[in-house]
Amino acid sequence: MQEFLDRVAEVLEVPSVRPEDDFRAVPMWGSLTGFALSVMLEQQYGKVLAPGDFAHLKTVGDLAAFAGVSA
């Protein structure tokens, strides 16, 4: 899980994230950041994030669950 959290933090350009964090609440959030998260999920975890799927994900923990990463 820590590796996943580190990767998300890197994409979001923040020092760290926790599973309960709302990833859209970071100062650098925008469509390009969302795209970068989508690319990271596909390249690192083999999970393709469809636009409809993305709308249902709110927290970093939701992203982890989608990627198949557990605590």
PDB file of N, CA and C in Angstrom:
ATOM      1  N   MET A   1       0.824  -1.198   0.000  1.00  0.00           N
ATOM      2  CA  MET A   1       0.000   0.000   0.000  1.00  0.00           C
ATOM      3  C   MET A   1       0.867   1.260   0.000  1.00  0.00           C
ATOM      4  N   GLN A   2       1.971   1.240   0.757  1.00  0.00           N
ATOM      5  CA  GLN A   2       2.790   2.452   0.835  1.00  0.00           C
ATOM      6  C   GLN A   2       3.334   2.842  -0.536  1.00  0.00           C
ATOM      7  N   GLU A   3       3.708   1.864  -1.330  1.00  0.00           N
ATOM      8  CA  GLU A   3       4.208   2.155  -2.670  1.00  0.00           C
ATOM      9  C   GLU A   3       3.118   2.853  -3.501  1.00  0.00           C
ATOM     10  N   PHE A   4       1.889   2.371  -3.391  1.00  0.00           N
ATOM     11  CA  PHE A   4       0.773   2.990  -4.102  1.00  0.00           C
ATOM     12  C   PHE A   4       0.567   4.428  -3.616  1.00  0.00           C
ATOM     13  N   LEU A   5       0.573   4.625  -2.309  1.00  0.00           N
ATOM     14  CA  LEU A   5       0.397   5.970  -1.755  1.00  0.00           C
ATOM     15  C   LEU A   5       1.501   6.915  -2.230  1.00  0.00           C
ATOM     16  N   ASP A   6       2.712   6.419  -2.285  1.00  0.00           N
ATOM     17  CA  ASP A   6       3.831   7.232  -2.765  1.00  0.00           C
ATOM     18  C   ASP A   6       3.655   7.617  -4.233  1.00  0.00           C
ATOM     19  N   ARG A   7       3.186   6.677  -5.035  1.00  0.00           N
ATOM     20  CA  ARG A   7       2.966   6.972  -6.460  1.00  0.00           C
ATOM     21  C   ARG A   7       1.861   8.007  -6.654  1.00  0.00           C
ATOM     22  N   VAL A   8       0.778   7.870  -5.899  1.00  0.00           N
ATOM     23  CA  VAL A   8      -0.317   8.842  -5.994  1.00  0.00           C
ATOM     24  C   VAL A   8       0.170  10.216  -5.546  1.00  0.00           C
ATOM     25  N   ALA A   9       0.915  10.271  -4.453  1.00  0.00           N
ATOM     26  CA  ALA A   9       1.442  11.547  -3.970  1.00  0.00           C
ATOM     27  C   ALA A   9       2.335  12.205  -5.024  1.00  0.00           C
ATOM     28  N   GLU A  10       3.121  11.402  -5.701  1.00  0.00           N
ATOM     29  CA  GLU A  10       3.998  11.932  -6.752  1.00  0.00           C
ATOM     30  C   GLU A  10       3.170  12.531  -7.889  1.00  0.00           C
ATOM     31  N   VAL A  11       2.146  11.825  -8.326  1.00  0.00           N
ATOM     32  CA  VAL A  11       1.289  12.330  -9.397  1.00  0.00           C
ATOM     33  C   VAL A  11       0.579  13.610  -8.958  1.00  0.00           C
ATOM     34  N   LEU A  12       0.119  13.642  -7.710  1.00  0.00           N
ATOM     35  CA  LEU A  12      -0.610  14.804  -7.205  1.00  0.00           C
ATOM     36  C   LEU A  12       0.309  15.954  -6.785  1.00  0.00           C
ATOM     37  N   GLU A  13       1.620  15.692  -6.815  1.00  0.00           N
ATOM     38  CA  GLU A  13       2.624  16.686  -6.451  1.00  0.00           C
ATOM     39  C   GLU A  13       2.434  17.206  -5.029  1.00  0.00           C
ATOM     40  N   VAL A  14       2.245  16.246  -4.111  1.00  0.00           N
ATOM     41  CA  VAL A  14       2.141  16.554  -2.681  1.00  0.00           C
ATOM     42  C   VAL A  14       3.122  15.650  -1.934  1.00  0.00           C
ATOM     43  N   PRO A  15       3.508  16.037  -0.702  1.00  0.00           N
ATOM     44  CA  PRO A  15       4.483  15.219   0.031  1.00  0.00           C
ATOM     45  C   PRO A  15       3.977  13.824   0.370  1.00  0.00           C
ATOM     46  N   SER A  16       2.699  13.696   0.705  1.00  0.00           N
ATOM     47  CA  SER A  16       2.153  12.389   1.055  1.00  0.00           C
ATOM     48  C   SER A  16       0.633  12.418   0.955  1.00  0.00           C
ATOM     49  N   VAL A  17       0.046  11.231   0.891  1.00  0.00           N
ATOM     50  CA  VAL A  17      -1.408  11.078   0.899  1.00  0.00           C
ATOM     51  C   VAL A  17      -1.755   9.926   1.832  1.00  0.00           C
ATOM     52  N   ARG A  18      -2.997   9.928   2.300  1.00  0.00           N
ATOM     53  CA  ARG A  18      -3.536   8.849   3.128  1.00  0.00           C
ATOM     54  C   ARG A  18      -4.730   8.260   2.387  1.00  0.00           C
ATOM     55  N   PRO A  19      -5.096   7.030   2.685  1.00  0.00           N
ATOM     56  CA  PRO A  19      -6.224   6.413   1.979  1.00  0.00           C
ATOM     57  C   PRO A  19      -7.521   7.215   2.078  1.00  0.00           C
ATOM     58  N   GLU A  20      -7.746   7.904   3.173  1.00  0.00           N
ATOM     59  CA  GLU A  20      -8.987   8.656   3.348  1.00  0.00           C
ATOM     60  C   GLU A  20      -8.987  10.029   2.670  1.00  0.00           C
ATOM     61  N   ASP A  21      -7.863  10.439   2.101  1.00  0.00           N
ATOM     62  CA  ASP A  21      -7.780  11.751   1.442  1.00  0.00           C
ATOM     63  C   ASP A  21      -8.602  11.804   0.159  1.00  0.00           C
ATOM     64  N   ASP A  22      -9.264  12.927  -0.039  1.00  0.00           N
ATOM     65  CA  ASP A  22      -9.981  13.200  -1.284  1.00  0.00           C
ATOM     66  C   ASP A  22      -8.937  13.686  -2.290  1.00  0.00           C
ATOM     67  N   PHE A  23      -8.646  12.864  -3.268  1.00  0.00           N
ATOM     68  CA  PHE A  23      -7.562  13.208  -4.193  1.00  0.00           C
ATOM     69  C   PHE A  23      -7.864  14.436  -5.043  1.00  0.00           C
ATOM     70  N   ARG A  24      -9.123  14.777  -5.197  1.00  0.00           N
ATOM     71  CA  ARG A  24      -9.475  15.966  -5.979  1.00  0.00           C
ATOM     72  C   ARG A  24      -9.325  17.272  -5.187  1.00  0.00           C
ATOM     73  N   ALA A  25      -9.042  17.168  -3.900  1.00  0.00           N
ATOM     74  CA  ALA A  25      -8.935  18.351  -3.040  1.00  0.00           C
ATOM     75  C   ALA A  25      -7.529  18.950  -3.021  1.00  0.00           C
ATOM     76  N   VAL A  26      -6.593  18.345  -3.718  1.00  0.00           N
ATOM     77  CA  VAL A  26      -5.229  18.883  -3.714  1.00  0.00           C
ATOM     78  C   VAL A  26      -5.160  20.150  -4.560  1.00  0.00           C
ATOM     79  N   PRO A  27      -4.263  21.064  -4.199  1.00  0.00           N
ATOM     80  CA  PRO A  27      -4.169  22.334  -4.924  1.00  0.00           C
ATOM     81  C   PRO A  27      -3.895  22.186  -6.429  1.00  0.00           C
ATOM     82  N   MET A  28      -3.152  21.161  -6.812  1.00  0.00           N
ATOM     83  CA  MET A  28      -2.782  21.003  -8.226  1.00  0.00           C
ATOM     84  C   MET A  28      -3.820  20.224  -9.037  1.00  0.00           C
ATOM     85  N   TRP A  29      -5.000  19.954  -8.447  1.00  0.00           N
ATOM     86  CA  TRP A  29      -5.976  19.118  -9.149  1.00  0.00           C
ATOM     87  C   TRP A  29      -6.478  19.788 -10.416  1.00  0.00           C
ATOM     88  N   GLY A  30      -6.569  19.017 -11.474  1.00  0.00           N
ATOM     89  CA  GLY A  30      -7.118  19.469 -12.744  1.00  0.00           C
ATOM     90  C   GLY A  30      -7.255  18.271 -13.662  1.00  0.00           C
ATOM     91  N   SER A  31      -7.738  18.521 -14.842  1.00  0.00           N
ATOM     92  CA  SER A  31      -7.974  17.410 -15.774  1.00  0.00           C
ATOM     93  C   SER A  31      -6.677  16.686 -16.135  1.00  0.00           C
ATOM     94  N   LEU A  32      -5.569  17.414 -16.227  1.00  0.00           N
ATOM     95  CA  LEU A  32      -4.303  16.747 -16.544  1.00  0.00           C
ATOM     96  C   LEU A  32      -3.839  15.857 -15.399  1.00  0.00           C
ATOM     97  N   THR A  33      -4.111  16.271 -14.175  1.00  0.00           N
ATOM     98  CA  THR A  33      -3.764  15.443 -13.028  1.00  0.00           C
ATOM     99  C   THR A  33      -4.608  14.175 -13.030  1.00  0.00           C
ATOM    100  N   GLY A  34      -5.877  14.306 -13.342  1.00  0.00           N
ATOM    101  CA  GLY A  34      -6.743  13.138 -13.451  1.00  0.00           C
ATOM    102  C   GLY A  34      -6.255  12.188 -14.527  1.00  0.00           C
ATOM    103  N   PHE A  35      -5.838  12.753 -15.643  1.00  0.00           N
ATOM    104  CA  PHE A  35      -5.298  11.929 -16.724  1.00  0.00           C
ATOM    105  C   PHE A  35      -4.021  11.226 -16.265  1.00  0.00           C
ATOM    106  N   ALA A  36      -3.157  11.939 -15.543  1.00  0.00           N
ATOM    107  CA  ALA A  36      -1.916  11.346 -15.051  1.00  0.00           C
ATOM    108  C   ALA A  36      -2.204  10.196 -14.086  1.00  0.00           C
ATOM    109  N   LEU A  37      -3.210  10.341 -13.226  1.00  0.00           N
ATOM    110  CA  LEU A  37      -3.600   9.245 -12.341  1.00  0.00           C
ATOM    111  C   LEU A  37      -4.085   8.052 -13.150  1.00  0.00           C
ATOM    112  N   SER A  38      -4.871   8.317 -14.174  1.00  0.00           N
ATOM    113  CA  SER A  38      -5.390   7.257 -15.031  1.00  0.00           C
ATOM    114  C   SER A  38      -4.241   6.499 -15.708  1.00  0.00           C
ATOM    115  N   VAL A  39      -3.274   7.226 -16.213  1.00  0.00           N
ATOM    116  CA  VAL A  39      -2.117   6.612 -16.869  1.00  0.00           C
ATOM    117  C   VAL A  39      -1.314   5.783 -15.874  1.00  0.00           C
ATOM    118  N   MET A  40      -1.113   6.319 -14.669  1.00  0.00           N
ATOM    119  CA  MET A  40      -0.372   5.592 -13.637  1.00  0.00           C
ATOM    120  C   MET A  40      -1.081   4.284 -13.291  1.00  0.00           C
ATOM    121  N   LEU A  41      -2.396   4.330 -13.130  1.00  0.00           N
ATOM    122  CA  LEU A  41      -3.147   3.115 -12.813  1.00  0.00           C
ATOM    123  C   LEU A  41      -3.013   2.070 -13.916  1.00  0.00           C
ATOM    124  N   GLU A  42      -3.030   2.519 -15.157  1.00  0.00           N
ATOM    125  CA  GLU A  42      -2.915   1.573 -16.274  1.00  0.00           C
ATOM    126  C   GLU A  42      -1.501   1.018 -16.391  1.00  0.00           C
ATOM    127  N   GLN A  43      -0.492   1.886 -16.322  1.00  0.00           N
ATOM    128  CA  GLN A  43       0.882   1.441 -16.518  1.00  0.00           C
ATOM    129  C   GLN A  43       1.407   0.606 -15.353  1.00  0.00           C
ATOM    130  N   GLN A  44       1.092   1.014 -14.138  1.00  0.00           N
ATOM    131  CA  GLN A  44       1.654   0.346 -12.970  1.00  0.00           C
ATOM    132  C   GLN A  44       0.812  -0.835 -12.478  1.00  0.00           C
ATOM    133  N   TYR A  45      -0.514  -0.765 -12.697  1.00  0.00           N
ATOM    134  CA  TYR A  45      -1.400  -1.775 -12.118  1.00  0.00           C
ATOM    135  C   TYR A  45      -2.276  -2.488 -13.149  1.00  0.00           C
ATOM    136  N   GLY A  46      -2.159  -2.102 -14.424  1.00  0.00           N
ATOM    137  CA  GLY A  46      -2.905  -2.775 -15.473  1.00  0.00           C
ATOM    138  C   GLY A  46      -4.400  -2.521 -15.435  1.00  0.00           C
ATOM    139  N   LYS A  47      -4.823  -1.444 -14.797  1.00  0.00           N
ATOM    140  CA  LYS A  47      -6.240  -1.118 -14.658  1.00  0.00           C
ATOM    141  C   LYS A  47      -6.596   0.068 -15.544  1.00  0.00           C
ATOM    142  N   VAL A  48      -7.526  -0.137 -16.452  1.00  0.00           N
ATOM    143  CA  VAL A  48      -7.969   0.928 -17.350  1.00  0.00           C
ATOM    144  C   VAL A  48      -9.143   1.639 -16.691  1.00  0.00           C
ATOM    145  N   LEU A  49      -8.973   2.918 -16.484  1.00  0.00           N
ATOM    146  CA  LEU A  49      -9.974   3.733 -15.803  1.00  0.00           C
ATOM    147  C   LEU A  49     -10.830   4.455 -16.831  1.00  0.00           C
ATOM    148  N   ALA A  50     -12.053   3.972 -17.003  1.00  0.00           N
ATOM    149  CA  ALA A  50     -12.996   4.605 -17.927  1.00  0.00           C
ATOM    150  C   ALA A  50     -13.549   5.870 -17.274  1.00  0.00           C
ATOM    151  N   PRO A  51     -13.942   6.867 -18.086  1.00  0.00           N
ATOM    152  CA  PRO A  51     -14.483   8.105 -17.515  1.00  0.00           C
ATOM    153  C   PRO A  51     -15.630   7.865 -16.534  1.00  0.00           C
ATOM    154  N   GLY A  52     -16.490   6.927 -16.815  1.00  0.00           N
ATOM    155  CA  GLY A  52     -17.594   6.627 -15.908  1.00  0.00           C
ATOM    156  C   GLY A  52     -17.114   6.060 -14.584  1.00  0.00           C
ATOM    157  N   ASP A  53     -16.040   5.266 -14.617  1.00  0.00           N
ATOM    158  CA  ASP A  53     -15.470   4.712 -13.389  1.00  0.00           C
ATOM    159  C   ASP A  53     -14.891   5.830 -12.527  1.00  0.00           C
ATOM    160  N   PHE A  54     -14.219   6.759 -13.152  1.00  0.00           N
ATOM    161  CA  PHE A  54     -13.530   7.823 -12.443  1.00  0.00           C
ATOM    162  C   PHE A  54     -14.502   8.664 -11.617  1.00  0.00           C
ATOM    163  N   ALA A  55     -15.699   8.846 -12.121  1.00  0.00           N
ATOM    164  CA  ALA A  55     -16.688   9.665 -11.425  1.00  0.00           C
ATOM    165  C   ALA A  55     -17.094   9.054 -10.093  1.00  0.00           C
ATOM    166  N   HIS A  56     -16.954   7.742  -9.930  1.00  0.00           N
ATOM    167  CA  HIS A  56     -17.365   7.060  -8.710  1.00  0.00           C
ATOM    168  C   HIS A  56     -16.250   6.974  -7.666  1.00  0.00           C
ATOM    169  N   LEU A  57     -15.058   7.379  -8.028  1.00  0.00           N
ATOM    170  CA  LEU A  57     -13.925   7.304  -7.109  1.00  0.00           C
ATOM    171  C   LEU A  57     -13.712   8.660  -6.457  1.00  0.00           C
ATOM    172  N   LYS A  58     -13.580   8.676  -5.134  1.00  0.00           N
ATOM    173  CA  LYS A  58     -13.426   9.939  -4.422  1.00  0.00           C
ATOM    174  C   LYS A  58     -12.132  10.016  -3.627  1.00  0.00           C
ATOM    175  N   THR A  59     -11.803   8.946  -2.944  1.00  0.00           N
ATOM    176  CA  THR A  59     -10.635   8.984  -2.066  1.00  0.00           C
ATOM    177  C   THR A  59      -9.461   8.213  -2.669  1.00  0.00           C
ATOM    178  N   VAL A  60      -8.304   8.427  -2.082  1.00  0.00           N
ATOM    179  CA  VAL A  60      -7.120   7.669  -2.489  1.00  0.00           C
ATOM    180  C   VAL A  60      -7.356   6.181  -2.236  1.00  0.00           C
ATOM    181  N   GLY A  61      -8.079   5.865  -1.171  1.00  0.00           N
ATOM    182  CA  GLY A  61      -8.430   4.475  -0.885  1.00  0.00           C
ATOM    183  C   GLY A  61      -9.301   3.869  -1.973  1.00  0.00           C
ATOM    184  N   ASP A  62     -10.206   4.684  -2.524  1.00  0.00           N
ATOM    185  CA  ASP A  62     -11.025   4.208  -3.646  1.00  0.00           C
ATOM    186  C   ASP A  62     -10.137   3.863  -4.842  1.00  0.00           C
ATOM    187  N   LEU A  63      -9.144   4.709  -5.096  1.00  0.00           N
ATOM    188  CA  LEU A  63      -8.201   4.439  -6.199  1.00  0.00           C
ATOM    189  C   LEU A  63      -7.441   3.148  -5.934  1.00  0.00           C
ATOM    190  N   ALA A  64      -7.005   2.966  -4.682  1.00  0.00           N
ATOM    191  CA  ALA A  64      -6.259   1.757  -4.323  1.00  0.00           C
ATOM    192  C   ALA A  64      -7.115   0.514  -4.533  1.00  0.00           C
ATOM    193  N   ALA A  65      -8.370   0.577  -4.103  1.00  0.00           N
ATOM    194  CA  ALA A  65      -9.262  -0.566  -4.281  1.00  0.00           C
ATOM    195  C   ALA A  65      -9.453  -0.868  -5.756  1.00  0.00           C
ATOM    196  N   PHE A  66      -9.627   0.175  -6.567  1.00  0.00           N
ATOM    197  CA  PHE A  66      -9.780  -0.001  -8.014  1.00  0.00           C
ATOM    198  C   PHE A  66      -8.533  -0.683  -8.591  1.00  0.00           C
ATOM    199  N   ALA A  67      -7.360  -0.284  -8.090  1.00  0.00           N
ATOM    200  CA  ALA A  67      -6.099  -0.840  -8.594  1.00  0.00           C
ATOM    201  C   ALA A  67      -5.826  -2.236  -8.052  1.00  0.00           C
ATOM    202  N   GLY A  68      -6.624  -2.675  -7.074  1.00  0.00           N
ATOM    203  CA  GLY A  68      -6.401  -3.987  -6.483  1.00  0.00           C
ATOM    204  C   GLY A  68      -5.336  -3.990  -5.411  1.00  0.00           C
ATOM    205  N   VAL A  69      -5.063  -2.814  -4.853  1.00  0.00           N
ATOM    206  CA  VAL A  69      -4.061  -2.684  -3.793  1.00  0.00           C
ATOM    207  C   VAL A  69      -4.783  -2.693  -2.461  1.00  0.00           C
ATOM    208  N   SER A  70      -4.313  -3.538  -1.556  1.00  0.00           N
ATOM    209  CA  SER A  70      -4.934  -3.592  -0.235  1.00  0.00           C
ATOM    210  C   SER A  70      -3.941  -3.131   0.831  1.00  0.00           C
ATOM    211  N   ALA A  71      -4.479  -2.846   1.979  1.00  0.00           N
ATOM    212  CA  ALA A  71      -3.668  -2.320   3.097  1.00  0.00           C
ATOM    213  C   ALA A  71      -2.654  -3.323   3.584  1.00  0.00           C
TER     214      ALA A  71
END
